[in-house]
Each structure stands twice: as structure tokens, then as C-alpha cells.
Amino acid sequence: NEYKYIQEDLCEKLGTKVKIKNNKIEISFVNGNDLNR
């Protein structure tokens, strides 16, 4: 919850799922094109 607002902001800016957990940021992408984006 401490980083929830940052997580939501990153989701909006990057247009993908973002998780902040255990002092790590996980950014989801579905394929190479999405990663490049």
C-alpha cells in the first residue's frame, strides 16, 4: 500500500501492468513490439 499510488501511476504512464512487491518493480509486456513501446 505504501507504493500503490506509484504503481497506479506507472500503469497509466506505461499502458501495462506494473507490480511493486518485495522492493522490486515488475513491468509486464506481451511481446517484442510491446517491450519496444
All heavy atoms as atom14 arrays in JSON, in Angstrom:
{
  "sequence": "NEYKYIQEDLCEKLGTKVKIKNNKIEISFVNGNDLNR",
  "atom14_mask": [
    [1, 1, 1, 1, 1, 1, 1, 1, 0, 0, 0, 0, 0, 0],
    [1, 1, 1, 1, 1, 1, 1, 1, 1, 0, 0, 0, 0, 0],
    [1, 1, 1, 1, 1, 1, 1, 1, 1, 1, 1, 1, 0, 0],
    [1, 1, 1, 1, 1, 1, 1, 1, 1, 0, 0, 0, 0, 0],
    [1, 1, 1, 1, 1, 1, 1, 1, 1, 1, 1, 1, 0, 0],
    [1, 1, 1, 1, 1, 1, 1, 1, 0, 0, 0, 0, 0, 0],
    [1, 1, 1, 1, 1, 1, 1, 1, 1, 0, 0, 0, 0, 0],
    [1, 1, 1, 1, 1, 1, 1, 1, 1, 0, 0, 0, 0, 0],
    [1, 1, 1, 1, 1, 1, 1, 1, 0, 0, 0, 0, 0, 0],
    [1, 1, 1, 1, 1, 1, 1, 1, 0, 0, 0, 0, 0, 0],
    [1, 1, 1, 1, 1, 1, 0, 0, 0, 0, 0, 0, 0, 0],
    [1, 1, 1, 1, 1, 1, 1, 1, 1, 0, 0, 0, 0, 0],
    [1, 1, 1, 1, 1, 1, 1, 1, 1, 0, 0, 0, 0, 0],
    [1, 1, 1, 1, 1, 1, 1, 1, 0, 0, 0, 0, 0, 0],
    [1, 1, 1, 1, 0, 0, 0, 0, 0, 0, 0, 0, 0, 0],
    [1, 1, 1, 1, 1, 1, 1, 0, 0, 0, 0, 0, 0, 0],
    [1, 1, 1, 1, 1, 1, 1, 1, 1, 0, 0, 0, 0, 0],
    [1, 1, 1, 1, 1, 1, 1, 0, 0, 0, 0, 0, 0, 0],
    [1, 1, 1, 1, 1, 1, 1, 1, 1, 0, 0, 0, 0, 0],
    [1, 1, 1, 1, 1, 1, 1, 1, 0, 0, 0, 0, 0, 0],
    [1, 1, 1, 1, 1, 1, 1, 1, 1, 0, 0, 0, 0, 0],
    [1, 1, 1, 1, 1, 1, 1, 1, 0, 0, 0, 0, 0, 0],
    [1, 1, 1, 1, 1, 1, 1, 1, 0, 0, 0, 0, 0, 0],
    [1, 1, 1, 1, 1, 1, 1, 1, 1, 0, 0, 0, 0, 0],
    [1, 1, 1, 1, 1, 1, 1, 1, 0, 0, 0, 0, 0, 0],
    [1, 1, 1, 1, 1, 1, 1, 1, 1, 0, 0, 0, 0, 0],
    [1, 1, 1, 1, 1, 1, 1, 1, 0, 0, 0, 0, 0, 0],
    [1, 1, 1, 1, 1, 1, 0, 0, 0, 0, 0, 0, 0, 0],
    [1, 1, 1, 1, 1, 1, 1, 1, 1, 1, 1, 0, 0, 0],
    [1, 1, 1, 1, 1, 1, 1, 0, 0, 0, 0, 0, 0, 0],
    [1, 1, 1, 1, 1, 1, 1, 1, 0, 0, 0, 0, 0, 0],
    [1, 1, 1, 1, 0, 0, 0, 0, 0, 0, 0, 0, 0, 0],
    [1, 1, 1, 1, 1, 1, 1, 1, 0, 0, 0, 0, 0, 0],
    [1, 1, 1, 1, 1, 1, 1, 1, 0, 0, 0, 0, 0, 0],
    [1, 1, 1, 1, 1, 1, 1, 1, 0, 0, 0, 0, 0, 0],
    [1, 1, 1, 1, 1, 1, 1, 1, 0, 0, 0, 0, 0, 0],
    [1, 1, 1, 1, 1, 1, 1, 1, 1, 1, 1, 0, 0, 0]
  ],
  "atom14_positions": [
    [[0.81, -1.21, 0.0], [0.0, 0.0, 0.0], [0.85, 1.26, 0.0], [0.42, 2.3, -0.5], [-0.93, 0.01, 1.22], [-2.04, -1.01, 1.08], [-2.45, -1.31, -0.03], [-2.51, -1.54, 2.2], [0.0, 0.0, 0.0], [0.0, 0.0, 0.0], [0.0, 0.0, 0.0], [0.0, 0.0, 0.0], [0.0, 0.0, 0.0], [0.0, 0.0, 0.0]],
    [[2.04, 1.17, 0.52], [2.92, 2.32, 0.58], [3.27, 2.83, -0.81], [3.47, 4.02, -1.03], [4.21, 1.96, 1.34], [5.17, 3.11, 1.5], [6.46, 2.7, 2.2], [6.55, 1.52, 2.61], [7.36, 3.55, 2.32], [0.0, 0.0, 0.0], [0.0, 0.0, 0.0], [0.0, 0.0, 0.0], [0.0, 0.0, 0.0], [0.0, 0.0, 0.0]],
    [[3.33, 1.9, -1.78], [3.71, 2.26, -3.15], [2.55, 2.15, -4.13], [2.75, 2.21, -5.33], [4.85, 1.37, -3.62], [6.09, 1.46, -2.74], [6.51, 0.37, -1.99], [6.82, 2.63, -2.67], [7.63, 0.45, -1.18], [7.95, 2.73, -1.87], [8.35, 1.64, -1.12], [9.45, 1.72, -0.33], [0.0, 0.0, 0.0], [0.0, 0.0, 0.0]],
    [[1.35, 1.97, -3.61], [0.21, 1.73, -4.5], [0.01, 2.87, -5.5], [-0.25, 2.65, -6.68], [-1.06, 1.53, -3.68], [-2.26, 1.12, -4.52], [-3.47, 0.83, -3.65], [-4.66, 0.4, -4.51], [-5.86, 0.14, -3.69], [0.0, 0.0, 0.0], [0.0, 0.0, 0.0], [0.0, 0.0, 0.0], [0.0, 0.0, 0.0], [0.0, 0.0, 0.0]],
    [[0.13, 4.11, -5.01], [-0.11, 5.25, -5.91], [0.95, 5.32, -7.01], [0.68, 5.71, -8.14], [-0.15, 6.56, -5.12], [1.19, 7.05, -4.63], [1.9, 8.04, -5.31], [1.77, 6.52, -3.47], [3.13, 8.47, -4.87], [2.99, 6.96, -3.01], [3.67, 7.93, -3.72], [4.89, 8.36, -3.29], [0.0, 0.0, 0.0], [0.0, 0.0, 0.0]],
    [[2.2, 4.91, -6.66], [3.26, 4.89, -7.66], [2.97, 3.81, -8.7], [3.14, 4.0, -9.91], [4.63, 4.64, -7.0], [4.95, 5.76, -6.02], [5.73, 4.53, -8.05], [6.24, 5.56, -5.25], [0.0, 0.0, 0.0], [0.0, 0.0, 0.0], [0.0, 0.0, 0.0], [0.0, 0.0, 0.0], [0.0, 0.0, 0.0], [0.0, 0.0, 0.0]],
    [[2.52, 2.66, -8.21], [2.18, 1.55, -9.08], [1.09, 1.95, -10.08], [1.19, 1.68, -11.28], [1.71, 0.37, -8.23], [1.32, -0.88, -9.01], [0.97, -2.01, -8.06], [1.86, -2.6, -7.46], [-0.29, -2.3, -7.9], [0.0, 0.0, 0.0], [0.0, 0.0, 0.0], [0.0, 0.0, 0.0], [0.0, 0.0, 0.0], [0.0, 0.0, 0.0]],
    [[0.05, 2.6, -9.57], [-1.06, 3.02, -10.44], [-0.59, 4.06, -11.45], [-1.02, 4.05, -12.61], [-2.19, 3.58, -9.57], [-2.89, 2.51, -8.73], [-3.92, 3.1, -7.78], [-3.94, 4.36, -7.63], [-4.68, 2.32, -7.19], [0.0, 0.0, 0.0], [0.0, 0.0, 0.0], [0.0, 0.0, 0.0], [0.0, 0.0, 0.0], [0.0, 0.0, 0.0]],
    [[0.29, 4.97, -11.03], [0.8, 6.0, -11.92], [1.63, 5.39, -13.04], [1.52, 5.77, -14.22], [1.64, 6.99, -11.12], [1.97, 8.25, -11.93], [1.11, 8.71, -12.69], [3.1, 8.75, -11.81], [0.0, 0.0, 0.0], [0.0, 0.0, 0.0], [0.0, 0.0, 0.0], [0.0, 0.0, 0.0], [0.0, 0.0, 0.0], [0.0, 0.0, 0.0]],
    [[2.46, 4.39, -12.69], [3.27, 3.7, -13.7], [2.4, 2.93, -14.68], [2.69, 2.89, -15.88], [4.28, 2.77, -13.02], [5.47, 3.44, -12.34], [6.27, 2.42, -11.54], [6.37, 4.11, -13.37], [0.0, 0.0, 0.0], [0.0, 0.0, 0.0], [0.0, 0.0, 0.0], [0.0, 0.0, 0.0], [0.0, 0.0, 0.0], [0.0, 0.0, 0.0]],
    [[1.35, 2.3, -14.17], [0.42, 1.56, -15.05], [-0.16, 2.49, -16.1], [-0.26, 2.14, -17.28], [-0.7, 0.93, -14.23], [-0.23, -0.51, -13.26], [0.0, 0.0, 0.0], [0.0, 0.0, 0.0], [0.0, 0.0, 0.0], [0.0, 0.0, 0.0], [0.0, 0.0, 0.0], [0.0, 0.0, 0.0], [0.0, 0.0, 0.0], [0.0, 0.0, 0.0]],
    [[-0.55, 3.7, -15.65], [-1.16, 4.66, -16.55], [-0.15, 5.18, -17.58], [-0.42, 5.25, -18.77], [-1.72, 5.84, -15.74], [-2.26, 6.98, -16.59], [-3.44, 6.59, -17.45], [-4.14, 5.61, -17.09], [-3.63, 7.23, -18.5], [0.0, 0.0, 0.0], [0.0, 0.0, 0.0], [0.0, 0.0, 0.0], [0.0, 0.0, 0.0], [0.0, 0.0, 0.0]],
    [[1.06, 5.5, -17.11], [2.07, 6.07, -17.99], [2.58, 5.05, -19.01], [2.85, 5.38, -20.16], [3.24, 6.61, -17.17], [2.97, 7.97, -16.53], [4.2, 8.49, -15.82], [4.03, 9.96, -15.43], [2.9, 10.2, -14.55], [0.0, 0.0, 0.0], [0.0, 0.0, 0.0], [0.0, 0.0, 0.0], [0.0, 0.0, 0.0], [0.0, 0.0, 0.0]],
    [[2.74, 3.8, -18.58], [3.32, 2.78, -19.46], [2.28, 1.98, -20.22], [2.6, 1.25, -21.15], [4.2, 1.82, -18.65], [5.38, 2.47, -17.9], [6.15, 1.4, -17.12], [6.31, 3.19, -18.87], [0.0, 0.0, 0.0], [0.0, 0.0, 0.0], [0.0, 0.0, 0.0], [0.0, 0.0, 0.0], [0.0, 0.0, 0.0], [0.0, 0.0, 0.0]],
    [[1.02, 2.11, -19.83], [-0.04, 1.4, -20.53], [0.06, -0.1, -20.38], [-0.27, -0.86, -21.3], [0.0, 0.0, 0.0], [0.0, 0.0, 0.0], [0.0, 0.0, 0.0], [0.0, 0.0, 0.0], [0.0, 0.0, 0.0], [0.0, 0.0, 0.0], [0.0, 0.0, 0.0], [0.0, 0.0, 0.0], [0.0, 0.0, 0.0], [0.0, 0.0, 0.0]],
    [[0.51, -0.58, -19.23], [0.63, -2.02, -19.0], [0.57, -2.28, -17.5], [0.55, -1.35, -16.68], [1.95, -2.55, -19.58], [1.92, -3.98, -19.55], [3.15, -2.05, -18.79], [0.0, 0.0, 0.0], [0.0, 0.0, 0.0], [0.0, 0.0, 0.0], [0.0, 0.0, 0.0], [0.0, 0.0, 0.0], [0.0, 0.0, 0.0], [0.0, 0.0, 0.0]],
    [[0.54, -3.55, -17.1], [0.5, -3.9, -15.69], [1.87, -3.68, -15.05], [2.89, -4.07, -15.61], [0.07, -5.36, -15.51], [-1.4, -5.61, -15.77], [-1.78, -7.04, -15.41], [-3.28, -7.26, -15.58], [-3.68, -8.63, -15.23], [0.0, 0.0, 0.0], [0.0, 0.0, 0.0], [0.0, 0.0, 0.0], [0.0, 0.0, 0.0], [0.0, 0.0, 0.0]],
    [[1.84, -3.08, -13.88], [3.07, -2.86, -13.11], [2.83, -3.29, -11.68], [1.79, -2.96, -11.09], [3.49, -1.37, -13.14], [4.73, -1.15, -12.27], [3.76, -0.9, -14.56], [0.0, 0.0, 0.0], [0.0, 0.0, 0.0], [0.0, 0.0, 0.0], [0.0, 0.0, 0.0], [0.0, 0.0, 0.0], [0.0, 0.0, 0.0], [0.0, 0.0, 0.0]],
    [[3.75, -4.07, -11.11], [3.65, -4.5, -9.72], [4.88, -4.03, -8.95], [6.0, -4.16, -9.44], [3.56, -6.03, -9.62], [2.23, -6.61, -10.11], [2.07, -8.05, -9.69], [3.06, -8.97, -10.37], [2.8, -10.4, -10.05], [0.0, 0.0, 0.0], [0.0, 0.0, 0.0], [0.0, 0.0, 0.0], [0.0, 0.0, 0.0], [0.0, 0.0, 0.0]],
    [[4.64, -3.5, -7.77], [5.74, -3.17, -6.86], [5.61, -4.1, -5.66], [4.64, -4.04, -4.92], [5.68, -1.69, -6.41], [5.81, -0.77, -7.62], [6.78, -1.4, -5.4], [5.73, 0.7, -7.29], [0.0, 0.0, 0.0], [0.0, 0.0, 0.0], [0.0, 0.0, 0.0], [0.0, 0.0, 0.0], [0.0, 0.0, 0.0], [0.0, 0.0, 0.0]],
    [[6.58, -4.98, -5.51], [6.48, -6.02, -4.49], [7.88, -6.44, -4.07], [8.77, -6.63, -4.91], [5.7, -7.22, -5.05], [5.4, -8.3, -4.03], [4.57, -9.4, -4.71], [4.24, -10.51, -3.74], [3.47, -11.59, -4.4], [0.0, 0.0, 0.0], [0.0, 0.0, 0.0], [0.0, 0.0, 0.0], [0.0, 0.0, 0.0], [0.0, 0.0, 0.0]],
    [[8.07, -6.56, -2.77], [9.35, -7.02, -2.23], [10.52, -6.19, -2.76], [11.55, -6.71, -3.18], [9.58, -8.5, -2.55], [8.52, -9.39, -1.94], [7.99, -9.09, -0.87], [8.19, -10.49, -2.63], [0.0, 0.0, 0.0], [0.0, 0.0, 0.0], [0.0, 0.0, 0.0], [0.0, 0.0, 0.0], [0.0, 0.0, 0.0], [0.0, 0.0, 0.0]],
    [[10.33, -4.86, -2.76], [11.36, -3.92, -3.2], [11.77, -4.14, -4.66], [12.91, -3.87, -5.05], [12.61, -4.01, -2.31], [12.31, -3.55, -0.89], [11.47, -2.67, -0.7], [12.98, -4.13, 0.07], [0.0, 0.0, 0.0], [0.0, 0.0, 0.0], [0.0, 0.0, 0.0], [0.0, 0.0, 0.0], [0.0, 0.0, 0.0], [0.0, 0.0, 0.0]],
    [[10.83, -4.64, -5.46], [11.08, -4.84, -6.88], [9.93, -4.25, -7.69], [8.78, -4.26, -7.25], [11.21, -6.33, -7.23], [12.43, -7.01, -6.62], [12.46, -8.47, -7.03], [13.67, -9.18, -6.42], [13.69, -10.63, -6.79], [0.0, 0.0, 0.0], [0.0, 0.0, 0.0], [0.0, 0.0, 0.0], [0.0, 0.0, 0.0], [0.0, 0.0, 0.0]],
    [[10.27, -3.73, -8.86], [9.24, -3.25, -9.79], [9.16, -4.23, -10.96], [10.16, -4.46, -11.63], [9.56, -1.84, -10.32], [9.63, -0.83, -9.17], [8.51, -1.39, -11.35], [10.01, 0.57, -9.62], [0.0, 0.0, 0.0], [0.0, 0.0, 0.0], [0.0, 0.0, 0.0], [0.0, 0.0, 0.0], [0.0, 0.0, 0.0], [0.0, 0.0, 0.0]],
    [[7.99, -4.8, -11.17], [7.78, -5.74, -12.28], [6.9, -5.07, -13.33], [5.77, -4.66, -13.03], [7.12, -7.02, -11.78], [7.96, -7.81, -10.79], [7.27, -9.08, -10.31], [6.2, -9.4, -10.88], [7.78, -9.72, -9.38], [0.0, 0.0, 0.0], [0.0, 0.0, 0.0], [0.0, 0.0, 0.0], [0.0, 0.0, 0.0], [0.0, 0.0, 0.0]],
    [[7.43, -4.96, -14.54], [6.69, -4.34, -15.64], [6.34, -5.42, -16.67], [7.22, -6.09, -17.19], [7.52, -3.22, -16.32], [7.9, -2.15, -15.28], [6.76, -2.6, -17.48], [8.85, -1.1, -15.81], [0.0, 0.0, 0.0], [0.0, 0.0, 0.0], [0.0, 0.0, 0.0], [0.0, 0.0, 0.0], [0.0, 0.0, 0.0], [0.0, 0.0, 0.0]],
    [[5.05, -5.58, -16.93], [4.6, -6.62, -17.85], [4.63, -6.16, -19.3], [4.34, -5.0, -19.59], [3.17, -7.06, -17.49], [3.1, -7.56, -16.18], [0.0, 0.0, 0.0], [0.0, 0.0, 0.0], [0.0, 0.0, 0.0], [0.0, 0.0, 0.0], [0.0, 0.0, 0.0], [0.0, 0.0, 0.0], [0.0, 0.0, 0.0], [0.0, 0.0, 0.0]],
    [[5.0, -7.05, -20.2], [4.88, -6.79, -21.64], [4.52, -8.11, -22.31], [4.85, -9.19, -21.82], [6.16, -6.2, -22.23], [7.37, -7.1, -22.12], [7.71, -7.95, -23.16], [8.17, -7.08, -20.98], [8.83, -8.78, -23.07], [9.29, -7.9, -20.88], [9.62, -8.75, -21.93], [0.0, 0.0, 0.0], [0.0, 0.0, 0.0], [0.0, 0.0, 0.0]],
    [[3.81, -8.01, -23.44], [3.29, -9.23, -24.06], [4.14, -9.76, -25.2], [4.03, -10.93, -25.57], [1.83, -9.02, -24.57], [0.9, -8.75, -23.41], [1.76, -7.88, -25.57], [0.0, 0.0, 0.0], [0.0, 0.0, 0.0], [0.0, 0.0, 0.0], [0.0, 0.0, 0.0], [0.0, 0.0, 0.0], [0.0, 0.0, 0.0], [0.0, 0.0, 0.0]],
    [[4.97, -8.91, -25.79], [5.83, -9.36, -26.88], [6.89, -8.29, -27.16], [6.96, -7.26, -26.48], [5.0, -9.65, -28.16], [4.11, -8.48, -28.55], [4.55, -7.34, -28.51], [2.87, -8.77, -28.89], [0.0, 0.0, 0.0], [0.0, 0.0, 0.0], [0.0, 0.0, 0.0], [0.0, 0.0, 0.0], [0.0, 0.0, 0.0], [0.0, 0.0, 0.0]],
    [[7.71, -8.54, -28.18], [8.79, -7.62, -28.51], [8.32, -6.22, -28.85], [8.92, -5.22, -28.45], [0.0, 0.0, 0.0], [0.0, 0.0, 0.0], [0.0, 0.0, 0.0], [0.0, 0.0, 0.0], [0.0, 0.0, 0.0], [0.0, 0.0, 0.0], [0.0, 0.0, 0.0], [0.0, 0.0, 0.0], [0.0, 0.0, 0.0], [0.0, 0.0, 0.0]],
    [[7.23, -6.13, -29.63], [6.7, -4.82, -30.01], [6.26, -4.03, -28.79], [6.5, -2.82, -28.68], [5.51, -4.97, -30.97], [5.95, -5.32, -32.36], [7.12, -5.19, -32.7], [5.03, -5.77, -33.19], [0.0, 0.0, 0.0], [0.0, 0.0, 0.0], [0.0, 0.0, 0.0], [0.0, 0.0, 0.0], [0.0, 0.0, 0.0], [0.0, 0.0, 0.0]],
    [[5.6, -4.73, -27.86], [5.12, -4.07, -26.66], [6.29, -3.62, -25.79], [6.27, -2.54, -25.21], [4.21, -5.02, -25.87], [3.41, -4.29, -24.8], [3.12, -3.1, -24.98], [3.08, -4.93, -23.78], [0.0, 0.0, 0.0], [0.0, 0.0, 0.0], [0.0, 0.0, 0.0], [0.0, 0.0, 0.0], [0.0, 0.0, 0.0], [0.0, 0.0, 0.0]],
    [[7.35, -4.44, -25.73], [8.54, -4.07, -24.95], [9.19, -2.82, -25.55], [9.59, -1.9, -24.82], [9.54, -5.24, -24.94], [10.9, -4.94, -24.27], [10.71, -4.52, -22.82], [11.82, -6.16, -24.37], [0.0, 0.0, 0.0], [0.0, 0.0, 0.0], [0.0, 0.0, 0.0], [0.0, 0.0, 0.0], [0.0, 0.0, 0.0], [0.0, 0.0, 0.0]],
    [[9.3, -2.77, -26.88], [9.88, -1.59, -27.54], [9.07, -0.34, -27.25], [9.61, 0.75, -27.06], [9.98, -1.81, -29.05], [11.08, -2.81, -29.4], [12.06, -2.95, -28.67], [10.92, -3.5, -30.52], [0.0, 0.0, 0.0], [0.0, 0.0, 0.0], [0.0, 0.0, 0.0], [0.0, 0.0, 0.0], [0.0, 0.0, 0.0], [0.0, 0.0, 0.0]],
    [[7.73, -0.5, -27.23], [6.85, 0.63, -26.93], [7.13, 1.16, -25.52], [7.25, 2.37, -25.31], [5.38, 0.18, -27.03], [4.36, 1.27, -26.69], [2.96, 0.69, -26.62], [2.82, -0.25, -25.52], [2.6, 0.1, -24.26], [2.49, 1.38, -23.94], [2.48, -0.81, -23.31], [0.0, 0.0, 0.0], [0.0, 0.0, 0.0], [0.0, 0.0, 0.0]]
  ]
}
